[in-house]
Amino acid sequence: MLSSADPKPPRVLSGIQPTGEPHLGNLLGAIRYWVEDQNLGDCYYCVVDLHGLTVPGDPAERRQASLTMATLLLAAGLDPETCTLFLQSHVPAHSQLAWLMECTASFGELARMTQFKDKTAKGGEQAARVGLFTYPCLMAADILAYDADRVPVGEDQRQHLELTRDLAQRFNAAYGPTFVVPQAAIPRPGRGARIMNLADPTRKMSKTTDLPAGVVGLFDDPAEIERKIKRAVTDTDSGPGSVRYDRDTKPGVSNLLELLATLRGDDPDRVADGYSRYGDLKADVARAVLDAIEPIQLRFRELSARRDYVSDVLATGARRANEVASATLARSYSAIGL
């Protein structure tokens, strides 16, 4: 019987879409977390290019975006000798297992997914691809294919992880122990769990936004990064104690404090004690952000000149991933009677 309590290093699986420009929220809420975790378990990280098909796009641009994202992950510190990095589409078991998940999930479960409801509310159901409705099943397949014990996800993805757990438990109950039921690894406070838009701190920093002035892109020019941070929204309060961590009444200042605390590995309240003026806080945030991003940009430029190396890393990762995912697929096919 499969169990996540087996005496072995924890298996970790996480993925990132290649659509849109990667930003500071991606780095602090996911990528840096991956880099830290790769030495703590058996980690599989994928660029989920199949998920990107839920919106139309140019094939050449889509292919380049996937390569760019993989290169960025390597530049940020993922070590292909330590973890397995691959493109989702290079492992056929993902889409094959997704069909089993679609045949396990109910229409009502998928219709309740918050992201589907939000996106169709904006664009309308007629414009939405069917894949947008069913992609939580593909996400479940991504996770279950690797017998993942832990899945690093942001708070906004918790609902999808819970659906994955439900589907695994339902399949196991119907056909016998087949899948490991994964646990969510939500970033704790101070680890970039929610980095908000600098121009509107009530909204999460996102690849797709109508407020680009509040998004720090990982490929932005350093001068532009500094300018965006120094123009970040705070508030009109300038008296004693104005620099304090309070998400409800001071979202702009709190976002800057959480940014700095995340980069320093500190607590936002403790960081606030060192400041009495917004200008000083913004200057230190800008310096800390640049210290984190500039080495990644330099390494990215170096790796971009070594396309064959990146391609070899992805090919090796796909071979490793295929070995694991194919075994899970065969086990699930046998269990369900195929």
C-alpha atoms as a PDB file:
ATOM      1  CA  MET A   1       0.000   0.000   0.000  1.00  0.00           C
ATOM      2  CA  LEU A   2       1.272   3.467  -0.917  1.00  0.00           C
ATOM      3  CA  SER A   3       1.827   5.851   1.941  1.00  0.00           C
ATOM      4  CA  SER A   4       3.380   9.305   2.284  1.00  0.00           C
ATOM      5  CA  ALA A   5       4.796   8.042   5.598  1.00  0.00           C
ATOM      6  CA  ASP A   6       7.298   5.718   3.865  1.00  0.00           C
ATOM      7  CA  PRO A   7      10.874   6.150   5.211  1.00  0.00           C
ATOM      8  CA  LYS A   8      12.262   8.077   2.224  1.00  0.00           C
ATOM      9  CA  PRO A   9      12.992  11.708   1.385  1.00  0.00           C
ATOM     10  CA  PRO A  10       9.728  13.566   0.756  1.00  0.00           C
ATOM     11  CA  ARG A  11       8.772  13.744  -2.912  1.00  0.00           C
ATOM     12  CA  VAL A  12       7.984  17.325  -3.915  1.00  0.00           C
ATOM     13  CA  LEU A  13       6.222  18.460  -7.100  1.00  0.00           C
ATOM     14  CA  SER A  14       5.490  21.979  -8.250  1.00  0.00           C
ATOM     15  CA  GLY A  15       5.008  23.767 -11.548  1.00  0.00           C
ATOM     16  CA  ILE A  16       4.921  27.246 -13.045  1.00  0.00           C
ATOM     17  CA  GLN A  17       3.233  28.494 -16.197  1.00  0.00           C
ATOM     18  CA  PRO A  18       5.442  30.050 -18.871  1.00  0.00           C
ATOM     19  CA  THR A  19       2.790  32.606 -19.855  1.00  0.00           C
ATOM     20  CA  GLY A  20       3.378  36.283 -19.036  1.00  0.00           C
ATOM     21  CA  GLU A  21       6.522  37.929 -17.729  1.00  0.00           C
ATOM     22  CA  PRO A  22       7.825  36.406 -14.473  1.00  0.00           C
ATOM     23  CA  HIS A  23       7.847  38.892 -11.607  1.00  0.00           C
ATOM     24  CA  LEU A  24       9.004  39.424  -8.051  1.00  0.00           C
ATOM     25  CA  GLY A  25       5.952  37.643  -6.639  1.00  0.00           C
ATOM     26  CA  ASN A  26       6.903  34.504  -8.586  1.00  0.00           C
ATOM     27  CA  LEU A  27      10.457  34.692  -7.256  1.00  0.00           C
ATOM     28  CA  LEU A  28       9.557  35.206  -3.597  1.00  0.00           C
ATOM     29  CA  GLY A  29       6.362  33.175  -3.505  1.00  0.00           C
ATOM     30  CA  ALA A  30       7.545  30.147  -5.473  1.00  0.00           C
ATOM     31  CA  ILE A  31      10.928  30.067  -7.201  1.00  0.00           C
ATOM     32  CA  ARG A  32      13.075  30.912  -4.204  1.00  0.00           C
ATOM     33  CA  TYR A  33      11.078  28.405  -2.162  1.00  0.00           C
ATOM     34  CA  TRP A  34      11.875  25.741  -4.776  1.00  0.00           C
ATOM     35  CA  VAL A  35      15.586  26.526  -4.641  1.00  0.00           C
ATOM     36  CA  GLU A  36      15.608  26.108  -0.862  1.00  0.00           C
ATOM     37  CA  ASP A  37      13.582  22.885  -0.965  1.00  0.00           C
ATOM     38  CA  GLN A  38      15.617  21.110  -3.637  1.00  0.00           C
ATOM     39  CA  ASN A  39      18.152  19.969  -1.043  1.00  0.00           C
ATOM     40  CA  LEU A  40      15.485  18.729   1.378  1.00  0.00           C
ATOM     41  CA  GLY A  41      13.724  16.118  -0.725  1.00  0.00           C
ATOM     42  CA  ASP A  42      13.272  14.418  -4.068  1.00  0.00           C
ATOM     43  CA  CYS A  43      12.043  17.420  -6.037  1.00  0.00           C
ATOM     44  CA  TYR A  44      10.358  17.522  -9.437  1.00  0.00           C
ATOM     45  CA  TYR A  45       9.778  20.959 -10.941  1.00  0.00           C
ATOM     46  CA  CYS A  46       8.061  21.503 -14.272  1.00  0.00           C
ATOM     47  CA  VAL A  47       7.215  24.330 -16.615  1.00  0.00           C
ATOM     48  CA  VAL A  48       3.524  23.599 -17.137  1.00  0.00           C
ATOM     49  CA  ASP A  49       3.307  24.546 -20.798  1.00  0.00           C
ATOM     50  CA  LEU A  50       0.131  22.493 -21.345  1.00  0.00           C
ATOM     51  CA  HIS A  51      -1.707  24.716 -18.869  1.00  0.00           C
ATOM     52  CA  GLY A  52      -0.743  27.712 -20.985  1.00  0.00           C
ATOM     53  CA  LEU A  53      -2.898  26.377 -23.819  1.00  0.00           C
ATOM     54  CA  THR A  54      -6.067  27.553 -22.042  1.00  0.00           C
ATOM     55  CA  VAL A  55      -5.443  30.950 -23.674  1.00  0.00           C
ATOM     56  CA  PRO A  56      -4.585  31.498 -27.362  1.00  0.00           C
ATOM     57  CA  GLY A  57      -1.001  32.291 -28.290  1.00  0.00           C
ATOM     58  CA  ASP A  58       1.597  32.292 -31.042  1.00  0.00           C
ATOM     59  CA  PRO A  59       3.351  28.889 -31.298  1.00  0.00           C
ATOM     60  CA  ALA A  60       6.853  30.365 -31.682  1.00  0.00           C
ATOM     61  CA  GLU A  61       6.311  32.730 -28.759  1.00  0.00           C
ATOM     62  CA  ARG A  62       4.885  29.911 -26.646  1.00  0.00           C
ATOM     63  CA  ARG A  63       7.907  27.691 -27.360  1.00  0.00           C
ATOM     64  CA  GLN A  64      10.310  30.519 -26.524  1.00  0.00           C
ATOM     65  CA  ALA A  65       8.413  31.377 -23.325  1.00  0.00           C
ATOM     66  CA  SER A  66       8.810  27.815 -22.069  1.00  0.00           C
ATOM     67  CA  LEU A  67      12.542  27.877 -22.741  1.00  0.00           C
ATOM     68  CA  THR A  68      12.836  31.301 -21.119  1.00  0.00           C
ATOM     69  CA  MET A  69      11.074  30.123 -17.970  1.00  0.00           C
ATOM     70  CA  ALA A  70      13.261  27.012 -17.714  1.00  0.00           C
ATOM     71  CA  THR A  71      16.379  29.166 -18.155  1.00  0.00           C
ATOM     72  CA  LEU A  72      15.163  31.561 -15.475  1.00  0.00           C
ATOM     73  CA  LEU A  73      14.616  28.704 -13.012  1.00  0.00           C
ATOM     74  CA  LEU A  74      18.188  27.550 -13.572  1.00  0.00           C
ATOM     75  CA  ALA A  75      19.452  31.121 -13.226  1.00  0.00           C
ATOM     76  CA  ALA A  76      17.599  31.478  -9.924  1.00  0.00           C
ATOM     77  CA  GLY A  77      19.447  28.486  -8.479  1.00  0.00           C
ATOM     78  CA  LEU A  78      17.783  25.221  -9.420  1.00  0.00           C
ATOM     79  CA  ASP A  79      20.504  22.586  -9.746  1.00  0.00           C
ATOM     80  CA  PRO A  80      19.737  19.843 -12.307  1.00  0.00           C
ATOM     81  CA  GLU A  81      22.079  17.532 -10.409  1.00  0.00           C
ATOM     82  CA  THR A  82      19.904  17.930  -7.309  1.00  0.00           C
ATOM     83  CA  CYS A  83      16.352  18.286  -8.656  1.00  0.00           C
ATOM     84  CA  THR A  84      14.472  17.229 -11.786  1.00  0.00           C
ATOM     85  CA  LEU A  85      13.491  20.098 -14.110  1.00  0.00           C
ATOM     86  CA  PHE A  86      11.383  19.409 -17.212  1.00  0.00           C
ATOM     87  CA  LEU A  87       8.631  20.632 -19.494  1.00  0.00           C
ATOM     88  CA  GLN A  88       5.196  19.212 -18.740  1.00  0.00           C
ATOM     89  CA  SER A  89       4.455  18.467 -22.400  1.00  0.00           C
ATOM     90  CA  HIS A  90       7.560  16.266 -22.614  1.00  0.00           C
ATOM     91  CA  VAL A  91       5.922  13.726 -20.272  1.00  0.00           C
ATOM     92  CA  PRO A  92       2.838  12.175 -21.969  1.00  0.00           C
ATOM     93  CA  ALA A  93       1.587  10.639 -18.704  1.00  0.00           C
ATOM     94  CA  HIS A  94       0.376  14.086 -17.573  1.00  0.00           C
ATOM     95  CA  SER A  95      -2.317  14.366 -20.231  1.00  0.00           C
ATOM     96  CA  GLN A  96      -3.071  10.628 -20.128  1.00  0.00           C
ATOM     97  CA  LEU A  97      -3.626  10.615 -16.380  1.00  0.00           C
ATOM     98  CA  ALA A  98      -5.655  13.833 -16.663  1.00  0.00           C
ATOM     99  CA  TRP A  99      -8.392  11.858 -18.473  1.00  0.00           C
ATOM    100  CA  LEU A 100      -8.675   9.488 -15.537  1.00  0.00           C
ATOM    101  CA  MET A 101      -9.019  12.503 -13.252  1.00  0.00           C
ATOM    102  CA  GLU A 102     -11.717  13.981 -15.499  1.00  0.00           C
ATOM    103  CA  CYS A 103     -13.575  10.687 -15.194  1.00  0.00           C
ATOM    104  CA  THR A 104     -13.227  10.863 -11.400  1.00  0.00           C
ATOM    105  CA  ALA A 105     -14.175  14.528 -10.842  1.00  0.00           C
ATOM    106  CA  SER A 106     -17.739  15.813 -10.936  1.00  0.00           C
ATOM    107  CA  PHE A 107     -19.055  18.717 -12.998  1.00  0.00           C
ATOM    108  CA  GLY A 108     -20.099  20.502  -9.826  1.00  0.00           C
ATOM    109  CA  GLU A 109     -16.610  20.314  -8.328  1.00  0.00           C
ATOM    110  CA  LEU A 110     -15.016  21.901 -11.366  1.00  0.00           C
ATOM    111  CA  ALA A 111     -17.747  24.543 -11.670  1.00  0.00           C
ATOM    112  CA  ARG A 112     -16.992  25.667  -8.110  1.00  0.00           C
ATOM    113  CA  MET A 113     -13.325  26.389  -8.821  1.00  0.00           C
ATOM    114  CA  THR A 114     -12.786  30.059  -7.965  1.00  0.00           C
ATOM    115  CA  GLN A 115     -10.304  30.770 -10.749  1.00  0.00           C
ATOM    116  CA  PHE A 116     -12.637  29.372 -13.401  1.00  0.00           C
ATOM    117  CA  LYS A 117     -15.520  31.480 -12.089  1.00  0.00           C
ATOM    118  CA  ASP A 118     -13.369  34.629 -11.933  1.00  0.00           C
ATOM    119  CA  LYS A 119     -11.949  34.236 -15.437  1.00  0.00           C
ATOM    120  CA  THR A 120     -15.267  33.413 -17.066  1.00  0.00           C
ATOM    121  CA  ALA A 121     -16.864  36.361 -15.262  1.00  0.00           C
ATOM    122  CA  LYS A 122     -14.338  38.635 -16.976  1.00  0.00           C
ATOM    123  CA  GLY A 123     -14.306  37.085 -20.458  1.00  0.00           C
ATOM    124  CA  GLY A 124     -17.636  35.289 -20.584  1.00  0.00           C
ATOM    125  CA  GLU A 125     -18.336  31.572 -20.870  1.00  0.00           C
ATOM    126  CA  GLN A 126     -18.530  31.706 -24.667  1.00  0.00           C
ATOM    127  CA  ALA A 127     -14.891  32.859 -24.867  1.00  0.00           C
ATOM    128  CA  ALA A 128     -13.575  30.375 -22.285  1.00  0.00           C
ATOM    129  CA  ARG A 129     -11.840  27.240 -23.502  1.00  0.00           C
ATOM    130  CA  VAL A 130     -13.119  23.897 -22.175  1.00  0.00           C
ATOM    131  CA  GLY A 131      -9.547  23.338 -20.976  1.00  0.00           C
ATOM    132  CA  LEU A 132      -9.980  26.242 -18.570  1.00  0.00           C
ATOM    133  CA  PHE A 133     -12.827  24.303 -16.955  1.00  0.00           C
ATOM    134  CA  THR A 134     -11.028  20.951 -16.843  1.00  0.00           C
ATOM    135  CA  TYR A 135      -7.462  22.077 -16.162  1.00  0.00           C
ATOM    136  CA  PRO A 136      -7.735  21.365 -12.395  1.00  0.00           C
ATOM    137  CA  CYS A 137      -7.862  17.707 -13.468  1.00  0.00           C
ATOM    138  CA  LEU A 138      -4.621  18.167 -15.390  1.00  0.00           C
ATOM    139  CA  MET A 139      -3.129  19.870 -12.340  1.00  0.00           C
ATOM    140  CA  ALA A 140      -4.209  16.889 -10.240  1.00  0.00           C
ATOM    141  CA  ALA A 141      -2.548  14.567 -12.732  1.00  0.00           C
ATOM    142  CA  ASP A 142       0.648  16.656 -12.576  1.00  0.00           C
ATOM    143  CA  ILE A 143       0.822  16.060  -8.843  1.00  0.00           C
ATOM    144  CA  LEU A 144      -0.400  12.478  -8.567  1.00  0.00           C
ATOM    145  CA  ALA A 145       1.859  11.222 -11.375  1.00  0.00           C
ATOM    146  CA  TYR A 146       4.887  11.686  -9.116  1.00  0.00           C
ATOM    147  CA  ASP A 147       3.550  10.272  -5.837  1.00  0.00           C
ATOM    148  CA  ALA A 148       4.174  13.734  -4.414  1.00  0.00           C
ATOM    149  CA  ASP A 149       4.119  14.014  -0.629  1.00  0.00           C
ATOM    150  CA  ARG A 150       4.256  17.816  -0.590  1.00  0.00           C
ATOM    151  CA  VAL A 151       3.156  20.430  -3.110  1.00  0.00           C
ATOM    152  CA  PRO A 152       4.390  24.013  -2.642  1.00  0.00           C
ATOM    153  CA  VAL A 153       1.450  26.207  -3.668  1.00  0.00           C
ATOM    154  CA  GLY A 154       0.303  29.743  -3.023  1.00  0.00           C
ATOM    155  CA  GLU A 155      -2.855  30.411  -1.044  1.00  0.00           C
ATOM    156  CA  ASP A 156      -4.737  31.018  -4.315  1.00  0.00           C
ATOM    157  CA  GLN A 157      -4.005  27.426  -5.404  1.00  0.00           C
ATOM    158  CA  ARG A 158      -5.128  25.752  -2.176  1.00  0.00           C
ATOM    159  CA  GLN A 159      -8.561  24.976  -3.654  1.00  0.00           C
ATOM    160  CA  HIS A 160      -6.979  23.080  -6.546  1.00  0.00           C
ATOM    161  CA  LEU A 161      -4.755  21.112  -4.192  1.00  0.00           C
ATOM    162  CA  GLU A 162      -7.759  20.183  -2.074  1.00  0.00           C
ATOM    163  CA  LEU A 163      -9.510  18.934  -5.216  1.00  0.00           C
ATOM    164  CA  THR A 164      -6.433  16.833  -6.011  1.00  0.00           C
ATOM    165  CA  ARG A 165      -6.590  15.273  -2.552  1.00  0.00           C
ATOM    166  CA  ASP A 166     -10.308  14.564  -2.980  1.00  0.00           C
ATOM    167  CA  LEU A 167      -9.776  12.920  -6.369  1.00  0.00           C
ATOM    168  CA  ALA A 168      -6.903  10.778  -5.080  1.00  0.00           C
ATOM    169  CA  GLN A 169      -8.927   9.605  -2.099  1.00  0.00           C
ATOM    170  CA  ARG A 170     -11.998   8.903  -4.267  1.00  0.00           C
ATOM    171  CA  PHE A 171      -9.949   6.912  -6.786  1.00  0.00           C
ATOM    172  CA  ASN A 172      -8.231   4.958  -4.008  1.00  0.00           C
ATOM    173  CA  ALA A 173     -11.543   4.168  -2.355  1.00  0.00           C
ATOM    174  CA  ALA A 174     -13.060   2.951  -5.620  1.00  0.00           C
ATOM    175  CA  TYR A 175     -10.137   1.019  -7.102  1.00  0.00           C
ATOM    176  CA  GLY A 176      -7.725   0.299  -4.284  1.00  0.00           C
ATOM    177  CA  PRO A 177      -4.633   2.147  -3.009  1.00  0.00           C
ATOM    178  CA  THR A 178      -3.130   3.770  -6.087  1.00  0.00           C
ATOM    179  CA  PHE A 179      -2.177   7.378  -5.390  1.00  0.00           C
ATOM    180  CA  VAL A 180      -0.290   9.129  -2.604  1.00  0.00           C
ATOM    181  CA  VAL A 181      -2.552  11.804  -1.111  1.00  0.00           C
ATOM    182  CA  PRO A 182      -0.413  14.985  -1.122  1.00  0.00           C
ATOM    183  CA  GLN A 183      -0.122  17.704   1.481  1.00  0.00           C
ATOM    184  CA  ALA A 184      -0.040  21.414   0.633  1.00  0.00           C
ATOM    185  CA  ALA A 185       3.081  23.374   1.550  1.00  0.00           C
ATOM    186  CA  ILE A 186       1.761  26.945   1.870  1.00  0.00           C
ATOM    187  CA  PRO A 187       4.599  29.505   2.310  1.00  0.00           C
ATOM    188  CA  ARG A 188       4.579  30.757   5.882  1.00  0.00           C
ATOM    189  CA  PRO A 189       4.372  34.520   6.634  1.00  0.00           C
ATOM    190  CA  GLY A 190       7.627  36.252   5.819  1.00  0.00           C
ATOM    191  CA  ARG A 191       8.335  33.850   2.928  1.00  0.00           C
ATOM    192  CA  GLY A 192       6.544  35.794   0.224  1.00  0.00           C
ATOM    193  CA  ALA A 193       3.228  33.982   0.532  1.00  0.00           C
ATOM    194  CA  ARG A 194       1.457  37.010  -0.956  1.00  0.00           C
ATOM    195  CA  ILE A 195       3.338  39.792  -2.679  1.00  0.00           C
ATOM    196  CA  MET A 196       0.911  42.520  -3.689  1.00  0.00           C
ATOM    197  CA  ASN A 197       0.858  45.019  -6.552  1.00  0.00           C
ATOM    198  CA  LEU A 198       2.882  48.118  -5.635  1.00  0.00           C
ATOM    199  CA  ALA A 199       0.345  50.422  -7.296  1.00  0.00           C
ATOM    200  CA  ASP A 200      -2.653  48.735  -5.656  1.00  0.00           C
ATOM    201  CA  PRO A 201      -1.646  46.736  -2.564  1.00  0.00           C
ATOM    202  CA  THR A 202      -5.108  45.187  -2.293  1.00  0.00           C
ATOM    203  CA  ARG A 203      -4.386  43.137  -5.440  1.00  0.00           C
ATOM    204  CA  LYS A 204      -1.854  40.359  -5.809  1.00  0.00           C
ATOM    205  CA  MET A 205       1.169  40.988  -8.018  1.00  0.00           C
ATOM    206  CA  SER A 206       0.292  39.131 -11.206  1.00  0.00           C
ATOM    207  CA  LYS A 207       1.630  38.379 -14.683  1.00  0.00           C
ATOM    208  CA  THR A 208      -1.695  39.520 -16.132  1.00  0.00           C
ATOM    209  CA  THR A 209      -2.630  42.933 -14.794  1.00  0.00           C
ATOM    210  CA  ASP A 210      -3.861  46.338 -15.890  1.00  0.00           C
ATOM    211  CA  LEU A 211      -1.466  47.948 -13.393  1.00  0.00           C
ATOM    212  CA  PRO A 212       2.023  47.123 -14.788  1.00  0.00           C
ATOM    213  CA  ALA A 213       3.539  50.029 -12.833  1.00  0.00           C
ATOM    214  CA  GLY A 214       3.013  47.964  -9.685  1.00  0.00           C
ATOM    215  CA  VAL A 215       4.642  44.785 -10.987  1.00  0.00           C
ATOM    216  CA  VAL A 216       8.398  44.296 -10.613  1.00  0.00           C
ATOM    217  CA  GLY A 217       9.402  42.113 -13.560  1.00  0.00           C
ATOM    218  CA  LEU A 218      12.418  39.866 -13.154  1.00  0.00           C
ATOM    219  CA  PHE A 219      13.702  41.128 -16.504  1.00  0.00           C
ATOM    220  CA  ASP A 220      13.097  44.818 -15.736  1.00  0.00           C
ATOM    221  CA  ASP A 221      16.007  47.232 -15.977  1.00  0.00           C
ATOM    222  CA  PRO A 222      17.436  47.931 -12.477  1.00  0.00           C
ATOM    223  CA  ALA A 223      16.624  51.636 -12.807  1.00  0.00           C
ATOM    224  CA  GLU A 224      13.022  50.771 -13.650  1.00  0.00           C
ATOM    225  CA  ILE A 225      12.793  48.435 -10.657  1.00  0.00           C
ATOM    226  CA  GLU A 226      14.038  51.156  -8.338  1.00  0.00           C
ATOM    227  CA  ARG A 227      11.605  53.662  -9.847  1.00  0.00           C
ATOM    228  CA  LYS A 228       8.614  51.335  -9.378  1.00  0.00           C
ATOM    229  CA  ILE A 229       9.460  50.711  -5.732  1.00  0.00           C
ATOM    230  CA  LYS A 230      10.017  54.386  -4.936  1.00  0.00           C
ATOM    231  CA  ARG A 231       6.610  55.162  -6.465  1.00  0.00           C
ATOM    232  CA  ALA A 232       4.881  52.399  -4.505  1.00  0.00           C
ATOM    233  CA  VAL A 233       1.609  53.381  -2.835  1.00  0.00           C
ATOM    234  CA  THR A 234       1.841  54.004   0.914  1.00  0.00           C
ATOM    235  CA  ASP A 235      -0.585  56.425   2.619  1.00  0.00           C
ATOM    236  CA  THR A 236      -0.809  59.995   3.918  1.00  0.00           C
ATOM    237  CA  ASP A 237      -0.016  59.127   7.529  1.00  0.00           C
ATOM    238  CA  SER A 238       3.406  60.536   8.422  1.00  0.00           C
ATOM    239  CA  GLY A 239       3.325  60.817  12.184  1.00  0.00           C
ATOM    240  CA  PRO A 240       5.105  58.715  14.819  1.00  0.00           C
ATOM    241  CA  GLY A 241       4.529  55.027  14.302  1.00  0.00           C
ATOM    242  CA  SER A 242       3.394  55.523  10.708  1.00  0.00           C
ATOM    243  CA  VAL A 243       5.701  52.747   9.511  1.00  0.00           C
ATOM    244  CA  ARG A 244       4.011  49.680  10.945  1.00  0.00           C
ATOM    245  CA  TYR A 245       2.811  46.293   9.722  1.00  0.00           C
ATOM    246  CA  ASP A 246      -0.982  46.389   9.485  1.00  0.00           C
ATOM    247  CA  ARG A 247      -2.480  44.757   6.379  1.00  0.00           C
ATOM    248  CA  ASP A 248      -5.992  46.055   7.107  1.00  0.00           C
ATOM    249  CA  THR A 249      -5.324  49.770   7.586  1.00  0.00           C
ATOM    250  CA  LYS A 250      -1.910  50.214   5.926  1.00  0.00           C
ATOM    251  CA  PRO A 251      -1.765  47.731   3.015  1.00  0.00           C
ATOM    252  CA  GLY A 252       0.853  49.652   1.006  1.00  0.00           C
ATOM    253  CA  VAL A 253       3.345  50.037   3.831  1.00  0.00           C
ATOM    254  CA  SER A 254       2.678  46.475   4.980  1.00  0.00           C
ATOM    255  CA  ASN A 255       3.414  45.146   1.495  1.00  0.00           C
ATOM    256  CA  LEU A 256       6.799  46.922   1.490  1.00  0.00           C
ATOM    257  CA  LEU A 257       7.570  45.617   4.975  1.00  0.00           C
ATOM    258  CA  GLU A 258       6.648  42.067   3.975  1.00  0.00           C
ATOM    259  CA  LEU A 259       8.834  42.370   0.882  1.00  0.00           C
ATOM    260  CA  LEU A 260      11.821  43.452   2.942  1.00  0.00           C
ATOM    261  CA  ALA A 261      11.148  40.868   5.651  1.00  0.00           C
ATOM    262  CA  THR A 262      10.950  38.113   3.044  1.00  0.00           C
ATOM    263  CA  LEU A 263      14.236  39.151   1.467  1.00  0.00           C
ATOM    264  CA  ARG A 264      15.946  39.398   4.851  1.00  0.00           C
ATOM    265  CA  GLY A 265      14.376  36.277   6.324  1.00  0.00           C
ATOM    266  CA  ASP A 266      12.903  38.418   9.090  1.00  0.00           C
ATOM    267  CA  ASP A 267       9.514  39.310  10.588  1.00  0.00           C
ATOM    268  CA  PRO A 268       7.577  42.308   9.133  1.00  0.00           C
ATOM    269  CA  ASP A 269       6.769  43.726  12.578  1.00  0.00           C
ATOM    270  CA  ARG A 270      10.417  43.568  13.596  1.00  0.00           C
ATOM    271  CA  VAL A 271      11.505  45.171  10.318  1.00  0.00           C
ATOM    272  CA  ALA A 272       9.051  48.051  10.888  1.00  0.00           C
ATOM    273  CA  ASP A 273      10.786  48.936  14.156  1.00  0.00           C
ATOM    274  CA  GLY A 274      13.815  50.144  12.200  1.00  0.00           C
ATOM    275  CA  TYR A 275      11.980  52.852  10.242  1.00  0.00           C
ATOM    276  CA  SER A 276      10.255  56.156  10.880  1.00  0.00           C
ATOM    277  CA  ARG A 277      10.042  57.420   7.273  1.00  0.00           C
ATOM    278  CA  TYR A 278       8.576  55.862   4.150  1.00  0.00           C
ATOM    279  CA  GLY A 279      11.426  57.112   1.976  1.00  0.00           C
ATOM    280  CA  ASP A 280      14.046  55.229   3.970  1.00  0.00           C
ATOM    281  CA  LEU A 281      11.950  52.058   3.844  1.00  0.00           C
ATOM    282  CA  LYS A 282      11.495  52.300   0.074  1.00  0.00           C
ATOM    283  CA  ALA A 283      15.215  52.870  -0.472  1.00  0.00           C
ATOM    284  CA  ASP A 284      16.096  49.751   1.508  1.00  0.00           C
ATOM    285  CA  VAL A 285      13.412  47.690  -0.235  1.00  0.00           C
ATOM    286  CA  ALA A 286      14.748  48.770  -3.620  1.00  0.00           C
ATOM    287  CA  ARG A 287      18.307  47.829  -2.672  1.00  0.00           C
ATOM    288  CA  ALA A 288      17.246  44.446  -1.298  1.00  0.00           C
ATOM    289  CA  VAL A 289      15.152  43.670  -4.396  1.00  0.00           C
ATOM    290  CA  LEU A 290      18.015  44.593  -6.715  1.00  0.00           C
ATOM    291  CA  ASP A 291      20.436  42.473  -4.671  1.00  0.00           C
ATOM    292  CA  ALA A 292      18.097  39.513  -5.235  1.00  0.00           C
ATOM    293  CA  ILE A 293      17.304  40.109  -8.908  1.00  0.00           C
ATOM    294  CA  GLU A 294      20.538  41.381 -10.467  1.00  0.00           C
ATOM    295  CA  PRO A 295      22.545  38.143  -9.950  1.00  0.00           C
ATOM    296  CA  ILE A 296      19.667  36.197 -11.510  1.00  0.00           C
ATOM    297  CA  GLN A 297      19.609  38.530 -14.504  1.00  0.00           C
ATOM    298  CA  LEU A 298      23.368  38.101 -14.970  1.00  0.00           C
ATOM    299  CA  ARG A 299      23.148  34.305 -14.745  1.00  0.00           C
ATOM    300  CA  PHE A 300      20.153  34.305 -17.097  1.00  0.00           C
ATOM    301  CA  ARG A 301      22.155  36.143 -19.752  1.00  0.00           C
ATOM    302  CA  GLU A 302      24.970  33.624 -19.383  1.00  0.00           C
ATOM    303  CA  LEU A 303      22.641  30.629 -19.683  1.00  0.00           C
ATOM    304  CA  SER A 304      20.770  32.169 -22.618  1.00  0.00           C
ATOM    305  CA  ALA A 305      24.006  31.934 -24.586  1.00  0.00           C
ATOM    306  CA  ARG A 306      24.116  28.185 -23.784  1.00  0.00           C
ATOM    307  CA  ARG A 307      20.855  26.990 -25.334  1.00  0.00           C
ATOM    308  CA  ASP A 308      22.210  23.482 -25.872  1.00  0.00           C
ATOM    309  CA  TYR A 309      22.952  23.173 -22.158  1.00  0.00           C
ATOM    310  CA  VAL A 310      19.414  24.205 -21.189  1.00  0.00           C
ATOM    311  CA  SER A 311      17.941  21.822 -23.777  1.00  0.00           C
ATOM    312  CA  ASP A 312      20.080  18.975 -22.420  1.00  0.00           C
ATOM    313  CA  VAL A 313      18.923  19.726 -18.857  1.00  0.00           C
ATOM    314  CA  LEU A 314      15.288  19.575 -19.956  1.00  0.00           C
ATOM    315  CA  ALA A 315      15.822  16.355 -21.938  1.00  0.00           C
ATOM    316  CA  THR A 316      17.485  14.686 -18.960  1.00  0.00           C
ATOM    317  CA  GLY A 317      14.732  15.921 -16.669  1.00  0.00           C
ATOM    318  CA  ALA A 318      12.055  14.590 -19.001  1.00  0.00           C
ATOM    319  CA  ARG A 319      13.668  11.137 -19.004  1.00  0.00           C
ATOM    320  CA  ARG A 320      13.714  11.038 -15.212  1.00  0.00           C
ATOM    321  CA  ALA A 321      10.162  12.342 -14.977  1.00  0.00           C
ATOM    322  CA  ASN A 322       8.914   9.859 -17.580  1.00  0.00           C
ATOM    323  CA  GLU A 323      10.272   6.931 -15.575  1.00  0.00           C
ATOM    324  CA  VAL A 324       8.299   7.941 -12.492  1.00  0.00           C
ATOM    325  CA  ALA A 325       5.125   9.180 -14.192  1.00  0.00           C
ATOM    326  CA  SER A 326       4.875   6.190 -16.552  1.00  0.00           C
ATOM    327  CA  ALA A 327       4.989   3.781 -13.609  1.00  0.00           C
ATOM    328  CA  THR A 328       2.195   5.698 -11.866  1.00  0.00           C
ATOM    329  CA  LEU A 329       0.137   5.753 -15.058  1.00  0.00           C
ATOM    330  CA  ALA A 330       0.527   1.983 -15.529  1.00  0.00           C
ATOM    331  CA  ARG A 331      -0.486   1.399 -11.901  1.00  0.00           C
ATOM    332  CA  SER A 332      -3.593   3.569 -12.252  1.00  0.00           C
ATOM    333  CA  TYR A 333      -4.572   1.985 -15.590  1.00  0.00           C
ATOM    334  CA  SER A 334      -4.336  -1.451 -14.029  1.00  0.00           C
ATOM    335  CA  ALA A 335      -6.361  -0.368 -11.001  1.00  0.00           C
ATOM    336  CA  ILE A 336      -9.206   1.038 -13.092  1.00  0.00           C
ATOM    337  CA  GLY A 337      -9.315  -1.937 -15.423  1.00  0.00           C
ATOM    338  CA  LEU A 338      -7.440  -0.802 -18.539  1.00  0.00           C
END
